[in-house]
Amino acid sequence: MTRTYPDTIAAPLTRELVVKKSRFIAHLVPVRSVAEADEVIASVRRQYWDARHNCTAMVTGVTGDQARSSDDGEPSGTAGIPMLEVLRRRGLTDVVAVITRYFGGVKLGAGGLIRAYSTAVSDALDEAALLHRRELLEARIDVPHGDAGRIDNGLRDWADAHGSSFGDVVYGSVASFTLWVPPTDQALLVDDLAALSAGSLAPVFGETRVVDVVA
């Protein structure tokens, strides 16, 4: 049975929410470690040094097993944890959320703060491009240069149709293509590549790895 993994976001994004004159600026950034998340947080705090709060939440690790949050001066439990719960509910990992708040002069109360911080993260995620994490099998195909263009097009179409990731092409004495394919599609790739190349090509399979695939 193929193991499932949390998704992540494809690129950083920033969105703003205004609630009763308070500005909540949500920064969402993909990261690969706690240290990288800490660097993002420090950078946002330097950029928005004049804000009253820069609240944070992060989930990291391939399985999303590491999590941390901070209310940064807001009443306990009204910012970091609600932000973290949104990331968890969306099934995400390797992402850090920082919400910069500029106080608008109107107190929101605990319930209002929880809603505002949750909504700020949720609204930003609604616009995020996602990367699916999949456990995929490496497949290398060496192709004579004369056939490389045609095989390239065929393999890219195959990858798009079968939830696979197309890797870099290396040109040497032959053109070497790398695909990352679902292990359950191993035999299918062998058959389809044989059909595409009139039986002249066969993939060489390597390691299995967790790979990001565009949603």
N, C-alpha and C. Protein backbone atom coordinates (compact mmCIF):
# COMPACT_ATOMS: atom_id res chain seq x y z
N MET A 1 0.85 -1.20 0.00
CA MET A 1 0.00 0.00 0.00
C MET A 1 0.88 1.25 0.00
N THR A 2 0.57 2.20 -0.90
CA THR A 2 1.36 3.42 -1.01
C THR A 2 1.06 4.36 0.16
N ARG A 3 2.12 4.86 0.78
CA ARG A 3 1.96 5.76 1.91
C ARG A 3 1.58 7.15 1.41
N THR A 4 0.75 7.84 2.18
CA THR A 4 0.37 9.21 1.84
C THR A 4 1.11 10.20 2.71
N TYR A 5 1.36 11.39 2.14
CA TYR A 5 2.12 12.42 2.83
C TYR A 5 1.37 13.75 2.75
N PRO A 6 1.63 14.66 3.72
CA PRO A 6 1.02 15.99 3.64
C PRO A 6 1.52 16.75 2.41
N ASP A 7 0.71 17.68 1.92
CA ASP A 7 1.10 18.56 0.82
C ASP A 7 1.92 19.72 1.36
N THR A 8 2.45 20.52 0.44
CA THR A 8 3.08 21.77 0.82
C THR A 8 2.67 22.82 -0.21
N ILE A 9 3.11 24.07 -0.02
CA ILE A 9 2.78 25.12 -0.99
C ILE A 9 3.94 25.28 -1.96
N ALA A 10 3.62 25.73 -3.17
CA ALA A 10 4.63 25.79 -4.23
C ALA A 10 5.50 27.04 -4.15
N ALA A 11 4.97 28.12 -3.61
CA ALA A 11 5.71 29.39 -3.62
C ALA A 11 5.22 30.30 -2.50
N PRO A 12 6.06 31.25 -2.08
CA PRO A 12 5.63 32.20 -1.05
C PRO A 12 4.49 33.07 -1.55
N LEU A 13 3.64 33.52 -0.63
CA LEU A 13 2.62 34.48 -0.98
C LEU A 13 2.28 35.33 0.24
N THR A 14 1.77 36.52 -0.03
CA THR A 14 1.38 37.47 1.01
C THR A 14 0.00 38.01 0.69
N ARG A 15 -0.90 37.96 1.67
CA ARG A 15 -2.25 38.48 1.49
C ARG A 15 -2.64 39.27 2.75
N GLU A 16 -3.51 40.26 2.57
CA GLU A 16 -3.89 41.12 3.70
C GLU A 16 -5.39 41.02 3.97
N LEU A 17 -5.72 41.01 5.25
CA LEU A 17 -7.10 41.01 5.72
C LEU A 17 -7.27 42.19 6.68
N VAL A 18 -8.35 42.95 6.53
CA VAL A 18 -8.63 44.06 7.44
C VAL A 18 -9.89 43.73 8.24
N VAL A 19 -9.77 43.77 9.56
CA VAL A 19 -10.89 43.50 10.46
C VAL A 19 -10.97 44.65 11.46
N LYS A 20 -12.07 45.42 11.39
CA LYS A 20 -12.28 46.55 12.30
C LYS A 20 -11.03 47.42 12.40
N LYS A 21 -10.50 47.76 11.24
CA LYS A 21 -9.36 48.67 11.06
C LYS A 21 -8.00 48.05 11.42
N SER A 22 -7.99 46.86 12.00
CA SER A 22 -6.72 46.17 12.21
C SER A 22 -6.32 45.47 10.91
N ARG A 23 -5.04 45.59 10.55
CA ARG A 23 -4.51 44.95 9.35
C ARG A 23 -3.82 43.64 9.74
N PHE A 24 -4.21 42.56 9.11
CA PHE A 24 -3.58 41.26 9.33
C PHE A 24 -2.92 40.86 8.00
N ILE A 25 -1.61 40.93 7.96
CA ILE A 25 -0.86 40.62 6.74
C ILE A 25 -0.29 39.21 6.87
N ALA A 26 -0.81 38.29 6.08
CA ALA A 26 -0.40 36.88 6.16
C ALA A 26 0.72 36.61 5.17
N HIS A 27 1.81 36.07 5.69
CA HIS A 27 2.94 35.66 4.87
C HIS A 27 3.04 34.14 4.98
N LEU A 28 2.95 33.44 3.87
CA LEU A 28 3.09 31.98 3.83
C LEU A 28 4.29 31.63 2.97
N VAL A 29 5.19 30.82 3.52
CA VAL A 29 6.43 30.52 2.81
C VAL A 29 6.74 29.02 2.92
N PRO A 30 7.06 28.35 1.81
CA PRO A 30 7.49 26.96 1.91
C PRO A 30 8.90 26.87 2.48
N VAL A 31 9.14 25.92 3.37
CA VAL A 31 10.45 25.76 4.01
C VAL A 31 10.79 24.28 4.07
N ARG A 32 12.06 23.98 4.34
CA ARG A 32 12.51 22.59 4.41
C ARG A 32 12.97 22.18 5.80
N SER A 33 12.98 23.13 6.74
CA SER A 33 13.46 22.80 8.08
C SER A 33 12.98 23.87 9.05
N VAL A 34 13.11 23.56 10.35
CA VAL A 34 12.78 24.54 11.39
C VAL A 34 13.71 25.73 11.28
N ALA A 35 14.99 25.47 11.01
CA ALA A 35 15.97 26.56 10.90
C ALA A 35 15.59 27.51 9.76
N GLU A 36 15.15 26.97 8.64
CA GLU A 36 14.74 27.81 7.52
C GLU A 36 13.49 28.60 7.88
N ALA A 37 12.56 27.97 8.61
CA ALA A 37 11.36 28.68 9.06
C ALA A 37 11.73 29.83 9.99
N ASP A 38 12.67 29.59 10.88
CA ASP A 38 13.12 30.64 11.80
C ASP A 38 13.73 31.82 11.04
N GLU A 39 14.43 31.53 9.95
CA GLU A 39 15.00 32.60 9.14
C GLU A 39 13.90 33.44 8.49
N VAL A 40 12.85 32.78 8.03
CA VAL A 40 11.71 33.50 7.43
C VAL A 40 11.06 34.39 8.48
N ILE A 41 10.84 33.86 9.67
CA ILE A 41 10.21 34.64 10.75
C ILE A 41 11.06 35.86 11.09
N ALA A 42 12.37 35.65 11.21
CA ALA A 42 13.26 36.76 11.54
C ALA A 42 13.24 37.82 10.44
N SER A 43 13.17 37.39 9.19
CA SER A 43 13.14 38.34 8.07
C SER A 43 11.86 39.17 8.08
N VAL A 44 10.71 38.52 8.34
CA VAL A 44 9.44 39.25 8.39
C VAL A 44 9.46 40.25 9.56
N ARG A 45 9.98 39.83 10.69
CA ARG A 45 10.02 40.73 11.85
C ARG A 45 10.93 41.93 11.60
N ARG A 46 12.00 41.72 10.85
CA ARG A 46 12.85 42.87 10.50
C ARG A 46 12.12 43.81 9.55
N GLN A 47 11.41 43.24 8.58
CA GLN A 47 10.71 44.06 7.60
C GLN A 47 9.55 44.82 8.22
N TYR A 48 8.84 44.17 9.14
CA TYR A 48 7.66 44.79 9.77
C TYR A 48 7.96 45.07 11.24
N TRP A 49 9.06 45.72 11.47
CA TRP A 49 9.54 45.98 12.84
C TRP A 49 8.60 46.87 13.63
N ASP A 50 7.80 47.69 12.93
CA ASP A 50 6.93 48.65 13.60
C ASP A 50 5.55 48.08 13.92
N ALA A 51 5.31 46.79 13.56
CA ALA A 51 4.01 46.18 13.84
C ALA A 51 3.93 45.77 15.31
N ARG A 52 2.73 45.75 15.85
CA ARG A 52 2.56 45.37 17.25
C ARG A 52 2.80 43.88 17.44
N HIS A 53 2.41 43.06 16.46
CA HIS A 53 2.56 41.60 16.59
C HIS A 53 3.00 40.99 15.27
N ASN A 54 3.86 39.98 15.35
CA ASN A 54 4.19 39.11 14.22
C ASN A 54 4.02 37.67 14.74
N CYS A 55 2.82 37.14 14.61
CA CYS A 55 2.49 35.83 15.16
C CYS A 55 2.84 34.74 14.15
N THR A 56 3.18 33.56 14.67
CA THR A 56 3.74 32.54 13.78
C THR A 56 3.15 31.16 14.04
N ALA A 57 3.21 30.34 12.98
CA ALA A 57 2.89 28.92 13.07
C ALA A 57 3.66 28.21 11.98
N MET A 58 4.18 27.03 12.30
CA MET A 58 4.91 26.27 11.30
C MET A 58 4.65 24.78 11.48
N VAL A 59 4.66 24.07 10.38
CA VAL A 59 4.65 22.61 10.37
C VAL A 59 5.78 22.17 9.46
N THR A 60 6.64 21.26 9.93
CA THR A 60 7.76 20.81 9.13
C THR A 60 7.92 19.30 9.23
N GLY A 61 8.76 18.76 8.35
CA GLY A 61 9.00 17.33 8.31
C GLY A 61 8.16 16.68 7.21
N VAL A 62 8.70 15.66 6.58
CA VAL A 62 8.02 15.00 5.47
C VAL A 62 6.63 14.52 5.88
N THR A 63 6.51 14.05 7.13
CA THR A 63 5.21 13.56 7.61
C THR A 63 4.47 14.61 8.44
N GLY A 64 5.02 15.83 8.51
CA GLY A 64 4.37 16.88 9.29
C GLY A 64 4.42 16.64 10.78
N ASP A 65 5.50 16.02 11.26
CA ASP A 65 5.58 15.61 12.66
C ASP A 65 6.14 16.69 13.57
N GLN A 66 6.57 17.82 13.03
CA GLN A 66 7.10 18.90 13.85
C GLN A 66 6.22 20.14 13.68
N ALA A 67 5.83 20.74 14.79
CA ALA A 67 4.96 21.91 14.73
C ALA A 67 5.31 22.87 15.86
N ARG A 68 5.11 24.15 15.59
CA ARG A 68 5.41 25.18 16.59
C ARG A 68 4.60 26.42 16.28
N SER A 69 4.26 27.18 17.32
CA SER A 69 3.52 28.42 17.10
C SER A 69 3.84 29.43 18.18
N SER A 70 3.52 30.69 17.90
CA SER A 70 3.76 31.77 18.87
C SER A 70 2.67 32.82 18.72
N ASP A 71 2.15 33.28 19.87
CA ASP A 71 1.16 34.36 19.88
C ASP A 71 1.81 35.74 19.81
N ASP A 72 3.10 35.83 20.06
CA ASP A 72 3.87 37.08 19.98
C ASP A 72 3.16 38.26 20.65
N GLY A 73 2.70 38.03 21.86
CA GLY A 73 2.11 39.12 22.63
C GLY A 73 0.60 39.21 22.58
N GLU A 74 -0.03 38.51 21.66
CA GLU A 74 -1.50 38.44 21.68
C GLU A 74 -1.93 37.56 22.86
N PRO A 75 -3.18 37.69 23.32
CA PRO A 75 -3.63 36.82 24.41
C PRO A 75 -3.41 35.35 24.09
N SER A 76 -3.00 34.59 25.07
CA SER A 76 -2.62 33.20 24.87
C SER A 76 -3.71 32.40 24.14
N GLY A 77 -3.30 31.70 23.09
CA GLY A 77 -4.22 30.83 22.36
C GLY A 77 -5.07 31.51 21.30
N THR A 78 -4.87 32.81 21.08
CA THR A 78 -5.74 33.53 20.13
C THR A 78 -5.12 33.72 18.75
N ALA A 79 -3.85 33.36 18.58
CA ALA A 79 -3.18 33.62 17.29
C ALA A 79 -2.43 32.40 16.77
N GLY A 80 -1.34 32.02 17.43
CA GLY A 80 -0.49 30.95 16.93
C GLY A 80 -1.20 29.62 16.77
N ILE A 81 -1.93 29.20 17.81
CA ILE A 81 -2.62 27.91 17.74
C ILE A 81 -3.72 27.90 16.67
N PRO A 82 -4.57 28.94 16.57
CA PRO A 82 -5.55 28.96 15.48
C PRO A 82 -4.90 28.92 14.09
N MET A 83 -3.77 29.60 13.94
CA MET A 83 -3.05 29.56 12.67
C MET A 83 -2.55 28.14 12.38
N LEU A 84 -2.00 27.52 13.42
CA LEU A 84 -1.47 26.17 13.28
C LEU A 84 -2.59 25.18 12.93
N GLU A 85 -3.73 25.36 13.54
CA GLU A 85 -4.86 24.46 13.27
C GLU A 85 -5.30 24.53 11.81
N VAL A 86 -5.21 25.71 11.19
CA VAL A 86 -5.56 25.84 9.78
C VAL A 86 -4.57 25.05 8.92
N LEU A 87 -3.28 25.18 9.23
CA LEU A 87 -2.26 24.43 8.47
C LEU A 87 -2.50 22.93 8.61
N ARG A 88 -2.82 22.49 9.84
CA ARG A 88 -3.09 21.07 10.07
C ARG A 88 -4.34 20.61 9.32
N ARG A 89 -5.39 21.42 9.41
CA ARG A 89 -6.66 21.06 8.78
C ARG A 89 -6.52 20.96 7.26
N ARG A 90 -5.66 21.78 6.69
CA ARG A 90 -5.43 21.75 5.25
C ARG A 90 -4.48 20.62 4.84
N GLY A 91 -3.91 19.91 5.82
CA GLY A 91 -3.03 18.79 5.51
C GLY A 91 -1.71 19.22 4.92
N LEU A 92 -1.09 20.25 5.51
CA LEU A 92 0.14 20.82 4.95
C LEU A 92 1.34 20.56 5.86
N THR A 93 2.51 20.58 5.24
CA THR A 93 3.76 20.54 5.99
C THR A 93 4.80 21.36 5.24
N ASP A 94 5.96 21.52 5.88
CA ASP A 94 7.06 22.32 5.32
C ASP A 94 6.57 23.70 4.88
N VAL A 95 5.84 24.34 5.78
CA VAL A 95 5.33 25.68 5.52
C VAL A 95 5.35 26.46 6.83
N VAL A 96 5.67 27.75 6.72
CA VAL A 96 5.61 28.65 7.88
C VAL A 96 4.65 29.78 7.55
N ALA A 97 3.81 30.12 8.52
CA ALA A 97 2.88 31.25 8.39
C ALA A 97 3.26 32.31 9.41
N VAL A 98 3.42 33.54 8.95
CA VAL A 98 3.66 34.68 9.84
C VAL A 98 2.57 35.71 9.55
N ILE A 99 1.85 36.11 10.58
CA ILE A 99 0.84 37.15 10.40
C ILE A 99 1.26 38.39 11.15
N THR A 100 1.45 39.44 10.37
CA THR A 100 1.80 40.74 10.92
C THR A 100 0.50 41.50 11.20
N ARG A 101 0.36 41.97 12.44
CA ARG A 101 -0.85 42.72 12.79
C ARG A 101 -0.51 44.16 13.15
N TYR A 102 -1.19 45.07 12.47
CA TYR A 102 -1.16 46.49 12.83
C TYR A 102 -2.49 46.81 13.49
N PHE A 103 -2.45 47.14 14.77
CA PHE A 103 -3.65 47.39 15.56
C PHE A 103 -4.39 48.61 15.04
N GLY A 104 -5.72 48.46 14.86
CA GLY A 104 -6.52 49.54 14.30
C GLY A 104 -7.26 50.39 15.32
N GLY A 105 -7.03 50.12 16.61
CA GLY A 105 -7.66 50.92 17.64
C GLY A 105 -8.93 50.35 18.20
N VAL A 106 -9.43 49.25 17.62
CA VAL A 106 -10.64 48.60 18.10
C VAL A 106 -10.29 47.20 18.59
N LYS A 107 -10.56 46.91 19.86
CA LYS A 107 -10.26 45.58 20.39
C LYS A 107 -11.23 44.56 19.81
N LEU A 108 -10.70 43.39 19.45
CA LEU A 108 -11.51 42.37 18.80
C LEU A 108 -12.00 41.30 19.77
N GLY A 109 -11.43 41.23 20.95
CA GLY A 109 -11.79 40.17 21.88
C GLY A 109 -11.16 38.85 21.45
N ALA A 110 -11.16 37.88 22.37
CA ALA A 110 -10.50 36.60 22.09
C ALA A 110 -11.10 35.91 20.87
N GLY A 111 -12.44 35.84 20.82
CA GLY A 111 -13.10 35.19 19.69
C GLY A 111 -12.81 35.89 18.38
N GLY A 112 -12.80 37.21 18.40
CA GLY A 112 -12.51 37.97 17.19
C GLY A 112 -11.09 37.76 16.70
N LEU A 113 -10.15 37.68 17.64
CA LEU A 113 -8.76 37.44 17.26
C LEU A 113 -8.60 36.06 16.65
N ILE A 114 -9.20 35.06 17.29
CA ILE A 114 -9.10 33.68 16.76
C ILE A 114 -9.64 33.62 15.34
N ARG A 115 -10.79 34.25 15.11
CA ARG A 115 -11.38 34.24 13.77
C ARG A 115 -10.50 34.98 12.78
N ALA A 116 -9.96 36.11 13.19
CA ALA A 116 -9.14 36.92 12.28
C ALA A 116 -7.86 36.20 11.87
N TYR A 117 -7.16 35.63 12.86
CA TYR A 117 -5.91 34.93 12.53
C TYR A 117 -6.18 33.67 11.71
N SER A 118 -7.23 32.95 12.05
CA SER A 118 -7.57 31.76 11.27
C SER A 118 -7.95 32.12 9.84
N THR A 119 -8.78 33.15 9.70
CA THR A 119 -9.25 33.55 8.38
C THR A 119 -8.11 34.07 7.53
N ALA A 120 -7.19 34.81 8.13
CA ALA A 120 -6.06 35.36 7.38
C ALA A 120 -5.23 34.25 6.75
N VAL A 121 -4.98 33.19 7.50
CA VAL A 121 -4.22 32.05 6.95
C VAL A 121 -5.05 31.31 5.92
N SER A 122 -6.31 31.05 6.24
CA SER A 122 -7.18 30.29 5.35
C SER A 122 -7.37 30.99 4.01
N ASP A 123 -7.61 32.31 4.04
CA ASP A 123 -7.81 33.06 2.80
C ASP A 123 -6.55 33.03 1.94
N ALA A 124 -5.39 33.15 2.57
CA ALA A 124 -4.14 33.09 1.81
C ALA A 124 -3.96 31.71 1.18
N LEU A 125 -4.26 30.66 1.94
CA LEU A 125 -4.10 29.31 1.41
C LEU A 125 -5.06 29.03 0.26
N ASP A 126 -6.22 29.70 0.26
CA ASP A 126 -7.16 29.52 -0.84
C ASP A 126 -6.54 29.92 -2.18
N GLU A 127 -5.54 30.81 -2.13
CA GLU A 127 -4.90 31.29 -3.35
C GLU A 127 -3.56 30.61 -3.60
N ALA A 128 -3.14 29.71 -2.74
CA ALA A 128 -1.83 29.08 -2.87
C ALA A 128 -1.87 27.93 -3.87
N ALA A 129 -0.81 27.83 -4.66
CA ALA A 129 -0.61 26.64 -5.50
C ALA A 129 0.02 25.56 -4.63
N LEU A 130 -0.51 24.35 -4.72
CA LEU A 130 -0.05 23.26 -3.86
C LEU A 130 0.86 22.30 -4.60
N LEU A 131 1.76 21.69 -3.83
CA LEU A 131 2.56 20.58 -4.32
C LEU A 131 2.16 19.34 -3.54
N HIS A 132 1.81 18.28 -4.25
CA HIS A 132 1.50 17.02 -3.60
C HIS A 132 2.80 16.25 -3.35
N ARG A 133 2.91 15.66 -2.18
CA ARG A 133 4.05 14.81 -1.87
C ARG A 133 3.69 13.37 -2.19
N ARG A 134 4.50 12.73 -3.03
CA ARG A 134 4.23 11.36 -3.44
C ARG A 134 5.50 10.52 -3.31
N GLU A 135 5.32 9.28 -2.92
CA GLU A 135 6.43 8.34 -2.90
C GLU A 135 6.56 7.74 -4.29
N LEU A 136 7.62 8.14 -5.02
CA LEU A 136 7.76 7.77 -6.42
C LEU A 136 9.05 7.01 -6.67
N LEU A 137 9.04 6.26 -7.74
CA LEU A 137 10.16 5.40 -8.12
C LEU A 137 10.92 6.05 -9.27
N GLU A 138 12.24 6.07 -9.14
CA GLU A 138 13.09 6.63 -10.19
C GLU A 138 13.13 5.70 -11.40
N ALA A 139 12.97 6.29 -12.59
CA ALA A 139 13.08 5.53 -13.83
C ALA A 139 13.98 6.31 -14.79
N ARG A 140 15.09 5.71 -15.21
CA ARG A 140 16.00 6.38 -16.14
C ARG A 140 15.88 5.73 -17.52
N ILE A 141 15.78 6.59 -18.54
CA ILE A 141 15.68 6.10 -19.91
C ILE A 141 16.76 6.76 -20.74
N ASP A 142 17.65 5.97 -21.32
CA ASP A 142 18.70 6.47 -22.20
C ASP A 142 18.23 6.35 -23.64
N VAL A 143 18.30 7.49 -24.36
CA VAL A 143 17.71 7.56 -25.71
C VAL A 143 18.75 8.09 -26.69
N PRO A 144 18.90 7.46 -27.86
CA PRO A 144 19.78 8.02 -28.89
C PRO A 144 19.33 9.43 -29.27
N HIS A 145 20.29 10.27 -29.58
CA HIS A 145 19.98 11.68 -29.84
C HIS A 145 18.96 11.86 -30.96
N GLY A 146 19.01 11.01 -31.95
CA GLY A 146 18.09 11.15 -33.08
C GLY A 146 16.64 10.96 -32.69
N ASP A 147 16.38 10.23 -31.61
CA ASP A 147 15.00 9.98 -31.16
C ASP A 147 14.61 10.83 -29.96
N ALA A 148 15.54 11.65 -29.45
CA ALA A 148 15.34 12.33 -28.16
C ALA A 148 14.13 13.25 -28.17
N GLY A 149 13.94 14.01 -29.25
CA GLY A 149 12.82 14.96 -29.28
C GLY A 149 11.47 14.26 -29.20
N ARG A 150 11.31 13.22 -29.98
CA ARG A 150 10.04 12.50 -29.99
C ARG A 150 9.78 11.79 -28.66
N ILE A 151 10.81 11.15 -28.12
CA ILE A 151 10.65 10.46 -26.84
C ILE A 151 10.41 11.45 -25.71
N ASP A 152 11.08 12.60 -25.77
CA ASP A 152 10.89 13.65 -24.77
C ASP A 152 9.41 14.03 -24.71
N ASN A 153 8.82 14.32 -25.85
CA ASN A 153 7.40 14.71 -25.87
C ASN A 153 6.50 13.59 -25.34
N GLY A 154 6.80 12.37 -25.75
CA GLY A 154 5.98 11.24 -25.30
C GLY A 154 6.08 11.01 -23.81
N LEU A 155 7.29 11.13 -23.26
CA LEU A 155 7.47 10.90 -21.82
C LEU A 155 6.81 12.00 -21.00
N ARG A 156 6.89 13.23 -21.49
CA ARG A 156 6.24 14.34 -20.76
C ARG A 156 4.73 14.15 -20.73
N ASP A 157 4.16 13.75 -21.85
CA ASP A 157 2.72 13.49 -21.88
C ASP A 157 2.37 12.34 -20.93
N TRP A 158 3.21 11.32 -20.91
CA TRP A 158 2.96 10.17 -20.04
C TRP A 158 3.03 10.59 -18.57
N ALA A 159 4.03 11.40 -18.24
CA ALA A 159 4.18 11.85 -16.86
C ALA A 159 2.97 12.67 -16.42
N ASP A 160 2.50 13.57 -17.28
CA ASP A 160 1.33 14.39 -16.94
C ASP A 160 0.09 13.53 -16.71
N ALA A 161 -0.02 12.45 -17.45
CA ALA A 161 -1.22 11.61 -17.38
C ALA A 161 -1.18 10.61 -16.23
N HIS A 162 -0.01 10.42 -15.61
CA HIS A 162 0.13 9.35 -14.62
C HIS A 162 0.70 9.82 -13.28
N GLY A 163 0.49 11.11 -12.96
CA GLY A 163 0.91 11.61 -11.66
C GLY A 163 2.39 11.46 -11.40
N SER A 164 3.18 11.65 -12.45
CA SER A 164 4.63 11.48 -12.35
C SER A 164 5.33 12.82 -12.46
N SER A 165 6.60 12.83 -12.09
CA SER A 165 7.42 14.04 -12.15
C SER A 165 8.53 13.83 -13.17
N PHE A 166 8.69 14.79 -14.07
CA PHE A 166 9.70 14.70 -15.12
C PHE A 166 10.96 15.42 -14.64
N GLY A 167 12.06 14.70 -14.56
CA GLY A 167 13.30 15.28 -14.05
C GLY A 167 14.13 15.94 -15.14
N ASP A 168 15.35 16.32 -14.79
CA ASP A 168 16.25 16.96 -15.75
C ASP A 168 16.70 15.96 -16.81
N VAL A 169 16.98 16.49 -18.00
CA VAL A 169 17.53 15.69 -19.09
C VAL A 169 19.03 15.95 -19.16
N VAL A 170 19.81 14.90 -19.19
CA VAL A 170 21.27 15.01 -19.27
C VAL A 170 21.71 14.53 -20.64
N TYR A 171 22.45 15.39 -21.36
CA TYR A 171 22.90 15.04 -22.70
C TYR A 171 24.39 14.68 -22.66
N GLY A 172 24.69 13.46 -23.07
CA GLY A 172 26.05 12.98 -23.20
C GLY A 172 26.14 12.21 -24.49
N SER A 173 26.66 11.00 -24.41
CA SER A 173 26.68 10.14 -25.60
C SER A 173 25.26 9.77 -26.02
N VAL A 174 24.34 9.82 -25.05
CA VAL A 174 22.91 9.66 -25.30
C VAL A 174 22.17 10.72 -24.49
N ALA A 175 20.87 10.86 -24.73
CA ALA A 175 20.03 11.73 -23.91
C ALA A 175 19.45 10.89 -22.78
N SER A 176 19.75 11.26 -21.55
CA SER A 176 19.28 10.50 -20.39
C SER A 176 18.12 11.22 -19.74
N PHE A 177 16.94 10.58 -19.76
CA PHE A 177 15.74 11.13 -19.16
C PHE A 177 15.51 10.47 -17.80
N THR A 178 15.03 11.26 -16.85
CA THR A 178 14.66 10.70 -15.54
C THR A 178 13.21 11.05 -15.24
N LEU A 179 12.44 10.03 -14.93
CA LEU A 179 11.06 10.20 -14.48
C LEU A 179 10.95 9.66 -13.07
N TRP A 180 10.07 10.26 -12.29
CA TRP A 180 9.71 9.72 -10.98
C TRP A 180 8.26 9.28 -11.09
N VAL A 181 8.02 7.98 -10.97
CA VAL A 181 6.71 7.41 -11.28
C VAL A 181 6.14 6.67 -10.09
N PRO A 182 4.81 6.59 -9.99
CA PRO A 182 4.21 5.77 -8.93
C PRO A 182 4.67 4.33 -9.07
N PRO A 183 5.09 3.70 -7.98
CA PRO A 183 5.55 2.31 -8.07
C PRO A 183 4.52 1.38 -8.71
N THR A 184 3.25 1.68 -8.53
CA THR A 184 2.20 0.83 -9.11
C THR A 184 2.14 0.94 -10.63
N ASP A 185 2.79 2.00 -11.20
CA ASP A 185 2.77 2.19 -12.66
C ASP A 185 4.06 1.71 -13.32
N GLN A 186 4.89 0.98 -12.57
CA GLN A 186 6.17 0.52 -13.10
C GLN A 186 5.97 -0.32 -14.38
N ALA A 187 5.14 -1.33 -14.30
CA ALA A 187 4.92 -2.19 -15.46
C ALA A 187 4.28 -1.43 -16.62
N LEU A 188 3.39 -0.48 -16.29
CA LEU A 188 2.73 0.32 -17.33
C LEU A 188 3.75 1.15 -18.10
N LEU A 189 4.71 1.75 -17.39
CA LEU A 189 5.74 2.53 -18.06
C LEU A 189 6.56 1.65 -19.00
N VAL A 190 6.91 0.46 -18.55
CA VAL A 190 7.67 -0.47 -19.39
C VAL A 190 6.90 -0.73 -20.68
N ASP A 191 5.61 -1.04 -20.58
CA ASP A 191 4.80 -1.35 -21.75
C ASP A 191 4.62 -0.14 -22.66
N ASP A 192 4.32 1.02 -22.06
CA ASP A 192 4.06 2.22 -22.87
C ASP A 192 5.33 2.71 -23.56
N LEU A 193 6.46 2.60 -22.88
CA LEU A 193 7.72 3.02 -23.49
C LEU A 193 8.09 2.08 -24.64
N ALA A 194 7.83 0.81 -24.46
CA ALA A 194 8.08 -0.14 -25.54
C ALA A 194 7.23 0.18 -26.76
N ALA A 195 5.97 0.54 -26.51
CA ALA A 195 5.08 0.91 -27.62
C ALA A 195 5.54 2.21 -28.29
N LEU A 196 6.00 3.17 -27.48
CA LEU A 196 6.44 4.47 -28.00
C LEU A 196 7.71 4.33 -28.84
N SER A 197 8.56 3.37 -28.49
CA SER A 197 9.87 3.25 -29.15
C SER A 197 9.98 2.01 -30.04
N ALA A 198 8.87 1.40 -30.36
CA ALA A 198 8.86 0.16 -31.16
C ALA A 198 9.74 -0.91 -30.55
N GLY A 199 9.71 -0.96 -29.21
CA GLY A 199 10.42 -2.01 -28.50
C GLY A 199 11.90 -1.78 -28.30
N SER A 200 12.40 -0.60 -28.69
CA SER A 200 13.85 -0.38 -28.61
C SER A 200 14.32 0.18 -27.27
N LEU A 201 13.40 0.67 -26.45
CA LEU A 201 13.79 1.32 -25.20
C LEU A 201 13.12 0.64 -24.00
N ALA A 202 13.85 0.63 -22.89
CA ALA A 202 13.29 0.12 -21.63
C ALA A 202 13.84 0.95 -20.48
N PRO A 203 13.04 1.28 -19.47
CA PRO A 203 13.52 2.07 -18.33
C PRO A 203 14.38 1.22 -17.40
N VAL A 204 15.31 1.89 -16.74
CA VAL A 204 16.08 1.27 -15.66
C VAL A 204 15.60 1.90 -14.36
N PHE A 205 15.09 1.10 -13.46
CA PHE A 205 14.50 1.63 -12.24
C PHE A 205 15.54 1.71 -11.13
N GLY A 206 15.42 2.77 -10.31
CA GLY A 206 16.36 2.99 -9.22
C GLY A 206 15.68 3.08 -7.88
N GLU A 207 15.97 4.15 -7.14
CA GLU A 207 15.49 4.30 -5.77
C GLU A 207 14.08 4.85 -5.72
N THR A 208 13.45 4.68 -4.57
CA THR A 208 12.15 5.30 -4.29
C THR A 208 12.39 6.51 -3.39
N ARG A 209 11.69 7.61 -3.70
CA ARG A 209 11.92 8.85 -2.98
C ARG A 209 10.61 9.62 -2.88
N VAL A 210 10.47 10.43 -1.83
CA VAL A 210 9.31 11.33 -1.73
C VAL A 210 9.58 12.56 -2.60
N VAL A 211 8.70 12.81 -3.56
CA VAL A 211 8.90 13.84 -4.58
C VAL A 211 7.71 14.78 -4.56
N ASP A 212 7.99 16.08 -4.82
CA ASP A 212 6.92 17.08 -4.95
C ASP A 212 6.36 17.04 -6.37
N VAL A 213 5.04 16.94 -6.48
CA VAL A 213 4.36 16.91 -7.77
C VAL A 213 3.35 18.05 -7.80
N VAL A 214 3.37 18.85 -8.86
CA VAL A 214 2.44 19.98 -8.96
C VAL A 214 1.01 19.48 -8.96
N ALA A 215 0.17 20.11 -8.12
CA ALA A 215 -1.23 19.69 -8.02
C ALA A 215 -1.98 19.97 -9.30
